[in-house]
Protein backbone atom coordinates (compact mmCIF):
# COMPACT_ATOMS: atom_id res chain seq x y z
CA GLN A 1 24.83 17.97 -3.81
CA VAL A 2 23.43 14.47 -3.44
CA GLN A 3 19.91 13.56 -4.57
CA LEU A 4 18.01 10.76 -2.83
CA VAL A 5 15.09 8.61 -3.98
CA GLU A 6 13.32 6.14 -1.68
CA SER A 7 11.39 3.08 -2.80
CA GLY A 8 9.97 -0.13 -1.42
CA GLY A 9 7.11 1.08 0.73
CA GLY A 10 3.65 -0.44 0.71
CA LEU A 11 0.91 -2.13 2.69
CA VAL A 12 1.88 -5.07 4.89
CA GLN A 13 0.17 -7.04 7.63
CA PRO A 14 1.40 -6.89 11.22
CA GLY A 15 4.34 -9.23 11.65
CA GLY A 16 5.33 -8.86 8.01
CA SER A 17 8.46 -7.48 6.41
CA LEU A 18 9.45 -4.79 3.94
CA ARG A 19 12.76 -3.65 2.51
CA LEU A 20 13.18 0.04 1.75
CA SER A 21 15.83 1.36 -0.62
CA CYS A 22 17.43 4.79 -0.81
CA ALA A 23 19.22 5.43 -4.11
CA ALA A 24 21.65 8.34 -4.37
CA SER A 25 23.03 10.31 -7.28
CA GLY A 26 24.86 13.53 -7.96
CA SER A 27 27.67 13.42 -5.45
CA ILE A 28 30.18 11.13 -3.76
CA PHE A 29 27.74 8.93 -1.88
CA SER A 30 30.37 7.24 0.28
CA ARG A 31 31.13 10.58 2.02
CA TYR A 32 27.70 10.80 3.59
CA ILE A 33 26.18 9.46 6.77
CA ILE A 34 22.74 8.22 5.77
CA GLY A 35 19.77 8.06 8.07
CA TRP A 36 16.28 6.64 7.77
CA TYR A 37 13.61 8.82 9.36
CA ARG A 38 9.86 8.48 9.59
CA GLN A 39 6.90 10.74 10.13
CA ALA A 40 3.49 9.50 11.17
CA PRO A 41 0.38 11.66 10.75
CA GLY A 42 0.26 14.39 13.37
CA LYS A 43 3.72 13.55 14.70
CA GLN A 44 7.19 14.97 14.28
CA ARG A 45 9.73 13.33 12.03
CA GLU A 46 11.87 10.92 14.05
CA LEU A 47 15.15 9.17 13.48
CA VAL A 48 14.88 5.43 12.88
CA ALA A 49 18.42 4.34 12.02
CA THR A 50 21.73 5.69 10.76
CA ILE A 51 24.77 4.24 9.05
CA THR A 52 28.15 5.95 8.87
CA THR A 53 30.62 6.02 6.02
CA GLY A 54 32.44 3.16 7.72
CA GLY A 55 29.33 1.06 8.20
CA SER A 56 28.65 1.69 11.90
CA THR A 57 24.96 1.60 12.68
CA ASN A 58 22.63 3.08 15.26
CA TYR A 59 18.93 2.45 15.89
CA SER A 60 16.11 3.99 17.82
CA ASP A 61 14.89 1.90 20.73
CA SER A 62 11.53 1.40 19.04
CA VAL A 63 13.03 -0.53 16.10
CA LYS A 64 16.13 -2.10 17.63
CA GLY A 65 16.20 -5.82 16.94
CA ARG A 66 13.57 -5.57 14.20
CA PHE A 67 15.10 -3.22 11.61
CA THR A 68 18.50 -3.46 9.92
CA ILE A 69 20.18 -0.65 8.00
CA SER A 70 22.88 -1.40 5.46
CA ARG A 71 24.66 0.33 2.61
CA ASP A 72 26.27 -0.63 -0.68
CA ASN A 73 28.56 2.20 -1.77
CA ALA A 74 29.21 0.51 -5.11
CA LYS A 75 25.49 0.83 -5.86
CA ASN A 76 25.10 4.24 -4.17
CA SER A 77 22.34 2.77 -2.05
CA VAL A 78 21.23 2.35 1.53
CA TYR A 79 18.63 -0.18 2.62
CA LEU A 80 16.30 -0.61 5.58
CA GLN A 81 15.16 -4.17 6.21
CA MET A 82 12.08 -4.03 8.41
CA ASN A 83 10.88 -7.22 10.10
CA SER A 84 8.15 -7.94 12.64
CA LEU A 85 6.32 -4.81 11.58
CA LYS A 86 3.77 -3.28 13.91
CA PRO A 87 0.88 -0.89 13.22
CA GLU A 88 2.84 1.83 15.02
CA ASP A 89 5.52 1.58 12.33
CA THR A 90 3.05 3.12 9.89
CA ALA A 91 4.56 6.35 8.56
CA VAL A 92 6.19 8.02 5.61
CA TYR A 93 9.83 6.92 5.60
CA TYR A 94 12.54 9.29 4.38
CA CYS A 95 16.26 8.94 3.90
CA GLY A 96 18.53 11.86 4.65
CA ALA A 97 22.22 12.55 4.06
CA LYS A 98 24.67 14.47 6.23
CA PHE A 99 28.44 14.79 6.60
CA THR A 100 28.80 14.48 10.37
CA PRO A 101 26.77 12.82 13.15
CA THR A 102 25.68 16.19 14.59
CA GLY A 103 25.50 18.05 11.30
CA SER A 104 22.41 19.16 9.50
CA ILE A 105 20.71 17.08 6.84
CA ARG A 106 22.05 18.14 3.42
CA ALA A 107 19.45 16.32 1.33
CA TRP A 108 16.14 14.52 1.79
CA GLY A 109 14.36 12.06 -0.41
CA GLN A 110 10.67 12.44 -1.25
CA GLY A 111 9.55 9.69 1.12
CA THR A 112 7.85 6.32 0.76
CA GLN A 113 4.66 5.31 2.57
CA VAL A 114 4.68 2.27 4.84
CA THR A 115 1.33 1.09 6.15
CA VAL A 116 1.07 -1.79 8.60
CA SER A 117 -2.50 -2.96 8.90
CA SER A 118 -4.59 -6.10 8.81
């Protein structure tokens, strides 16, 4: 079983940037597809971006062109570079691990708060 810990959240002004990190331990990290998800107050958790074991990426339309997901298997980590942040990006961001694209999430991190406000 993999354990995940997110970090890097904070308060940033509109147009600013943040880089989130998801550190894994406890299992063979390279076997997992990792996704970044977010949940704003009063809304359902939504998928932001995913990266496969081979490095293929996918993004939601709302972040495409602004966010970049990457992974470093040697460091058991996945990153989310967020540029041109908007107030509507405000949410708790979670990373999740699964074995297949349509499979269930096997592990969640505890989340990191991102607030975009002037």
